Amino acid sequence: MNSPQLSIRALLDSDNPDQVLAEYYARCSPEQRATAHSNVAKGLAVVEEHPRGTLGESLRQHLNIIVAEQRKLGEVPNE
């Protein structure tokens, strides 16, 4: 199975980078989750290199995306 690719260009060109990251993460299989987490973190770092807001707020948003996807997949409990 081929790993989904995270397009940094699509991420930077998007009006909604959160959606790009969420869609990428959702396409990854359970076996690809570790790589997906790393790629989302790298994507976040790239986005933060461009003036889009504060790192703290953006980091919380991206972590919330990951947790939401993990909850959908039953990887973490719903609280």
C-alpha atoms as a PDB file:
ATOM      1  CA  MET A   1       0.000   0.000   0.000  1.00  0.00           C
ATOM      2  CA  ASN A   2       1.340   3.408  -0.929  1.00  0.00           C
ATOM      3  CA  SER A   3       1.618   6.031   1.768  1.00  0.00           C
ATOM      4  CA  PRO A   4      -0.442   9.180   1.239  1.00  0.00           C
ATOM      5  CA  GLN A   5       1.656  12.242   0.552  1.00  0.00           C
ATOM      6  CA  LEU A   6       1.331  15.536   2.373  1.00  0.00           C
ATOM      7  CA  SER A   7       1.706  18.337  -0.149  1.00  0.00           C
ATOM      8  CA  ILE A   8       3.472  21.229   1.525  1.00  0.00           C
ATOM      9  CA  ARG A   9       2.540  23.439  -1.440  1.00  0.00           C
ATOM     10  CA  ALA A  10      -1.159  22.575  -1.004  1.00  0.00           C
ATOM     11  CA  LEU A  11      -0.785  23.271   2.706  1.00  0.00           C
ATOM     12  CA  LEU A  12       0.756  26.710   2.140  1.00  0.00           C
ATOM     13  CA  ASP A  13      -1.667  27.630  -0.656  1.00  0.00           C
ATOM     14  CA  SER A  14      -4.736  26.593   1.298  1.00  0.00           C
ATOM     15  CA  ASP A  15      -7.049  29.025   3.049  1.00  0.00           C
ATOM     16  CA  ASN A  16      -7.676  26.195   5.526  1.00  0.00           C
ATOM     17  CA  PRO A  17      -4.412  24.368   6.323  1.00  0.00           C
ATOM     18  CA  ASP A  18      -6.173  22.520   9.159  1.00  0.00           C
ATOM     19  CA  GLN A  19      -8.409  20.838   6.586  1.00  0.00           C
ATOM     20  CA  VAL A  20      -5.420  19.829   4.440  1.00  0.00           C
ATOM     21  CA  LEU A  21      -3.739  18.240   7.468  1.00  0.00           C
ATOM     22  CA  ALA A  22      -6.950  16.505   8.584  1.00  0.00           C
ATOM     23  CA  GLU A  23      -7.569  15.072   5.122  1.00  0.00           C
ATOM     24  CA  TYR A  24      -3.995  13.811   4.881  1.00  0.00           C
ATOM     25  CA  TYR A  25      -4.189  12.204   8.322  1.00  0.00           C
ATOM     26  CA  ALA A  26      -7.533  10.567   7.533  1.00  0.00           C
ATOM     27  CA  ARG A  27      -6.063   8.918   4.395  1.00  0.00           C
ATOM     28  CA  CYS A  28      -3.341   7.166   6.401  1.00  0.00           C
ATOM     29  CA  SER A  29      -3.801   3.561   7.473  1.00  0.00           C
ATOM     30  CA  PRO A  30      -3.257   2.507  11.100  1.00  0.00           C
ATOM     31  CA  GLU A  31       0.183   1.235  10.100  1.00  0.00           C
ATOM     32  CA  GLN A  32       1.051   4.687   8.783  1.00  0.00           C
ATOM     33  CA  ARG A  33      -0.031   6.621  11.896  1.00  0.00           C
ATOM     34  CA  ALA A  34       3.472   7.203  13.294  1.00  0.00           C
ATOM     35  CA  THR A  35       4.608   8.625   9.961  1.00  0.00           C
ATOM     36  CA  ALA A  36       1.393  10.653   9.730  1.00  0.00           C
ATOM     37  CA  HIS A  37       1.979  12.195  13.165  1.00  0.00           C
ATOM     38  CA  SER A  38       5.511  13.154  12.150  1.00  0.00           C
ATOM     39  CA  ASN A  39       4.376  14.600   8.825  1.00  0.00           C
ATOM     40  CA  VAL A  40       1.597  16.618  10.471  1.00  0.00           C
ATOM     41  CA  ALA A  41       4.157  18.035  12.913  1.00  0.00           C
ATOM     42  CA  LYS A  42       6.463  18.917  10.004  1.00  0.00           C
ATOM     43  CA  GLY A  43       3.524  20.473   8.146  1.00  0.00           C
ATOM     44  CA  LEU A  44       2.702  22.530  11.201  1.00  0.00           C
ATOM     45  CA  ALA A  45       6.284  23.769  11.389  1.00  0.00           C
ATOM     46  CA  VAL A  46       6.208  24.812   7.721  1.00  0.00           C
ATOM     47  CA  VAL A  47       2.911  26.651   8.163  1.00  0.00           C
ATOM     48  CA  GLU A  48       4.263  28.417  11.222  1.00  0.00           C
ATOM     49  CA  GLU A  49       7.239  29.688   9.251  1.00  0.00           C
ATOM     50  CA  HIS A  50       4.726  31.843   7.382  1.00  0.00           C
ATOM     51  CA  PRO A  51       2.866  34.597   9.224  1.00  0.00           C
ATOM     52  CA  ARG A  52      -0.449  32.901   9.994  1.00  0.00           C
ATOM     53  CA  GLY A  53      -0.836  33.517  13.713  1.00  0.00           C
ATOM     54  CA  THR A  54       0.648  32.382  16.979  1.00  0.00           C
ATOM     55  CA  LEU A  55       2.337  29.031  17.393  1.00  0.00           C
ATOM     56  CA  GLY A  56       0.446  28.139  20.571  1.00  0.00           C
ATOM     57  CA  GLU A  57      -3.011  28.591  19.057  1.00  0.00           C
ATOM     58  CA  SER A  58      -2.058  26.839  15.844  1.00  0.00           C
ATOM     59  CA  LEU A  59      -0.420  23.954  17.680  1.00  0.00           C
ATOM     60  CA  ARG A  60      -3.564  23.419  19.776  1.00  0.00           C
ATOM     61  CA  GLN A  61      -5.713  23.382  16.632  1.00  0.00           C
ATOM     62  CA  HIS A  62      -3.517  20.804  14.909  1.00  0.00           C
ATOM     63  CA  LEU A  63      -3.312  18.609  17.979  1.00  0.00           C
ATOM     64  CA  ASN A  64      -7.110  18.767  18.217  1.00  0.00           C
ATOM     65  CA  ILE A  65      -7.302  17.535  14.604  1.00  0.00           C
ATOM     66  CA  ILE A  66      -5.096  14.563  15.422  1.00  0.00           C
ATOM     67  CA  VAL A  67      -7.076  13.694  18.548  1.00  0.00           C
ATOM     68  CA  ALA A  68     -10.387  13.990  16.675  1.00  0.00           C
ATOM     69  CA  GLU A  69      -9.149  11.590  13.988  1.00  0.00           C
ATOM     70  CA  GLN A  70      -7.819   9.196  16.627  1.00  0.00           C
ATOM     71  CA  ARG A  71     -11.211   9.255  18.371  1.00  0.00           C
ATOM     72  CA  LYS A  72     -12.997   8.469  15.094  1.00  0.00           C
ATOM     73  CA  LEU A  73     -10.723   5.471  14.670  1.00  0.00           C
ATOM     74  CA  GLY A  74     -11.123   4.356  18.290  1.00  0.00           C
ATOM     75  CA  GLU A  75      -7.435   4.879  19.001  1.00  0.00           C
ATOM     76  CA  VAL A  76      -8.135   7.103  22.012  1.00  0.00           C
ATOM     77  CA  PRO A  77     -11.206   7.144  24.247  1.00  0.00           C
ATOM     78  CA  ASN A  78     -13.874   9.823  23.914  1.00  0.00           C
ATOM     79  CA  GLU A  79     -13.976  11.967  27.015  1.00  0.00           C
END
